[in-house]
C-alpha atoms as a PDB file:
ATOM      1  CA  MET A   1      11.523  -4.887   6.648  1.00  0.00           C
ATOM      2  CA  GLU A   2      14.411  -6.397   4.692  1.00  0.00           C
ATOM      3  CA  ASP A   3      13.443  -9.875   5.898  1.00  0.00           C
ATOM      4  CA  ILE A   4       9.880  -9.441   4.660  1.00  0.00           C
ATOM      5  CA  ILE A   5      11.100  -8.254   1.259  1.00  0.00           C
ATOM      6  CA  ALA A   6      13.556 -11.164   1.032  1.00  0.00           C
ATOM      7  CA  ILE A   7      10.853 -13.745   1.783  1.00  0.00           C
ATOM      8  CA  SER A   8       8.469 -12.081  -0.673  1.00  0.00           C
ATOM      9  CA  GLU A   9      11.096 -12.072  -3.425  1.00  0.00           C
ATOM     10  CA  LYS A  10      12.121 -15.662  -2.717  1.00  0.00           C
ATOM     11  CA  HIS A  11       8.543 -16.958  -3.005  1.00  0.00           C
ATOM     12  CA  GLN A  12       7.391 -14.375  -5.585  1.00  0.00           C
ATOM     13  CA  VAL A  13       4.521 -13.183  -3.381  1.00  0.00           C
ATOM     14  CA  PRO A  14       3.235  -9.604  -3.718  1.00  0.00           C
ATOM     15  CA  LEU A  15       3.026  -7.424  -0.606  1.00  0.00           C
ATOM     16  CA  VAL A  16       0.066  -5.574   0.880  1.00  0.00           C
ATOM     17  CA  ALA A  17       1.447  -2.826   3.129  1.00  0.00           C
ATOM     18  CA  ASP A  18      -0.977  -1.280   5.622  1.00  0.00           C
ATOM     19  CA  GLU A  19       0.491   2.196   5.948  1.00  0.00           C
ATOM     20  CA  ILE A  20      -2.474   3.830   7.640  1.00  0.00           C
ATOM     21  CA  TYR A  21      -0.114   5.419  10.167  1.00  0.00           C
ATOM     22  CA  TYR A  22       2.217   6.730   7.460  1.00  0.00           C
ATOM     23  CA  GLY A  23       4.591   9.319   8.824  1.00  0.00           C
ATOM     24  CA  TYR A  24       4.175   8.472  12.497  1.00  0.00           C
ATOM     25  CA  ALA A  25       7.542   7.715  14.036  1.00  0.00           C
ATOM     26  CA  TYR A  26       8.205   8.167  17.712  1.00  0.00           C
ATOM     27  CA  ASP A  27      11.896   7.362  17.593  1.00  0.00           C
ATOM     28  CA  GLU A  28      14.039   9.733  15.527  1.00  0.00           C
ATOM     29  CA  GLU A  29      16.666   7.048  15.098  1.00  0.00           C
ATOM     30  CA  ARG A  30      14.108   4.740  13.452  1.00  0.00           C
ATOM     31  CA  PRO A  31      12.124   6.862  10.955  1.00  0.00           C
ATOM     32  CA  PHE A  32       9.142   5.507   9.061  1.00  0.00           C
ATOM     33  CA  ILE A  33      10.080   4.007   5.707  1.00  0.00           C
ATOM     34  CA  SER A  34       7.382   3.069   3.239  1.00  0.00           C
ATOM     35  CA  PHE A  35       7.573  -0.272   1.466  1.00  0.00           C
ATOM     36  CA  ALA A  36       7.099   1.677  -1.755  1.00  0.00           C
ATOM     37  CA  HIS A  37      10.528   3.268  -1.297  1.00  0.00           C
ATOM     38  CA  VAL A  38      12.305  -0.075  -1.157  1.00  0.00           C
ATOM     39  CA  ASN A  39      13.954  -1.086  -4.406  1.00  0.00           C
ATOM     40  CA  THR A  40      12.429  -4.446  -5.240  1.00  0.00           C
ATOM     41  CA  THR A  41      10.831  -6.251  -8.154  1.00  0.00           C
ATOM     42  CA  ILE A  42       7.932  -7.430  -5.985  1.00  0.00           C
ATOM     43  CA  PRO A  43       4.603  -5.715  -6.710  1.00  0.00           C
ATOM     44  CA  ILE A  44       3.215  -3.839  -3.710  1.00  0.00           C
ATOM     45  CA  ILE A  45      -0.169  -2.476  -2.679  1.00  0.00           C
ATOM     46  CA  THR A  46      -0.092   0.207   0.018  1.00  0.00           C
ATOM     47  CA  LEU A  47      -3.112   1.444   1.970  1.00  0.00           C
ATOM     48  CA  GLY A  48      -3.538   4.897   3.482  1.00  0.00           C
ATOM     49  CA  ALA A  49      -6.217   7.053   5.110  1.00  0.00           C
ATOM     50  CA  LEU A  50      -6.817  10.677   6.020  1.00  0.00           C
ATOM     51  CA  SER A  51      -8.279   9.909   9.428  1.00  0.00           C
ATOM     52  CA  LYS A  52      -4.946   8.824  10.887  1.00  0.00           C
ATOM     53  CA  ILE A  53      -2.482  11.034   9.012  1.00  0.00           C
ATOM     54  CA  TYR A  54      -4.357  14.294   9.612  1.00  0.00           C
ATOM     55  CA  SER A  55      -6.114  13.339  12.856  1.00  0.00           C
ATOM     56  CA  VAL A  56      -9.631  13.728  11.513  1.00  0.00           C
ATOM     57  CA  PRO A  57     -11.585  10.988  13.279  1.00  0.00           C
ATOM     58  CA  GLY A  58     -14.769   9.973  11.590  1.00  0.00           C
ATOM     59  CA  TRP A  59     -13.549  10.695   8.096  1.00  0.00           C
ATOM     60  CA  ARG A  60     -13.717   7.473   6.164  1.00  0.00           C
ATOM     61  CA  LEU A  61     -11.560   8.500   3.247  1.00  0.00           C
ATOM     62  CA  GLY A  62      -8.717   6.260   2.237  1.00  0.00           C
ATOM     63  CA  TRP A  63      -6.825   5.032  -0.754  1.00  0.00           C
ATOM     64  CA  LEU A  64      -4.714   2.264  -2.065  1.00  0.00           C
ATOM     65  CA  ILE A  65      -1.693   2.682  -4.277  1.00  0.00           C
ATOM     66  CA  VAL A  66      -0.682  -0.158  -6.558  1.00  0.00           C
ATOM     67  CA  TYR A  67       2.971  -0.408  -7.517  1.00  0.00           C
ATOM     68  CA  ASN A  68       2.477  -2.694 -10.489  1.00  0.00           C
ATOM     69  CA  ARG A  69       6.011  -3.931 -10.950  1.00  0.00           C
ATOM     70  CA  SER A  70       6.476  -6.407 -13.784  1.00  0.00           C
ATOM     71  CA  ASN A  71       2.793  -5.910 -14.745  1.00  0.00           C
ATOM     72  CA  TYR A  72       1.807  -8.418 -12.082  1.00  0.00           C
ATOM     73  CA  PHE A  73      -1.459  -6.678 -11.175  1.00  0.00           C
ATOM     74  CA  ASP A  74      -2.740  -5.899 -14.700  1.00  0.00           C
ATOM     75  CA  ASP A  75      -5.730  -8.234 -14.455  1.00  0.00           C
ATOM     76  CA  ILE A  76      -6.424  -7.285 -10.846  1.00  0.00           C
ATOM     77  CA  LEU A  77      -6.335  -3.557 -11.649  1.00  0.00           C
ATOM     78  CA  ASP A  78      -8.843  -4.035 -14.445  1.00  0.00           C
ATOM     79  CA  LYS A  79     -11.232  -5.860 -12.119  1.00  0.00           C
ATOM     80  CA  LEU A  80     -10.648  -3.330  -9.336  1.00  0.00           C
ATOM     81  CA  LYS A  81     -11.598  -0.442 -11.630  1.00  0.00           C
ATOM     82  CA  LYS A  82     -14.819  -2.237 -12.578  1.00  0.00           C
ATOM     83  CA  PHE A  83     -15.597  -2.948  -8.929  1.00  0.00           C
ATOM     84  CA  VAL A  84     -15.048   0.678  -7.899  1.00  0.00           C
ATOM     85  CA  MET A  85     -17.250   1.985 -10.720  1.00  0.00           C
ATOM     86  CA  MET A  86     -19.997  -0.449  -9.745  1.00  0.00           C
ATOM     87  CA  ASN A  87     -19.918   0.507  -6.048  1.00  0.00           C
ATOM     88  CA  LEU A  88     -19.281   4.248  -6.329  1.00  0.00           C
ATOM     89  CA  HIS A  89     -22.093   5.182  -8.669  1.00  0.00           C
ATOM     90  CA  PRO A  90     -24.203   8.274  -7.806  1.00  0.00           C
END
């Protein structure tokens, strides 16, 4: 994980962290650590879903969390909000 963060910081590339299996750790000596808990200046987008965390297959409910460090994603967030409103209308 530290190597990924170091490369991302060196090249100033934001991270997209697929954390669909958040909380699953089969080795007590190596617990799950979210990229969001790492102290970095790199902006991060994390993805999650109920179907994996709570073992509810068939549920297609998920989310993304944007850690907008240094206001990197301001323009993207604005466009994302417009996209969601366009696609999630009644």
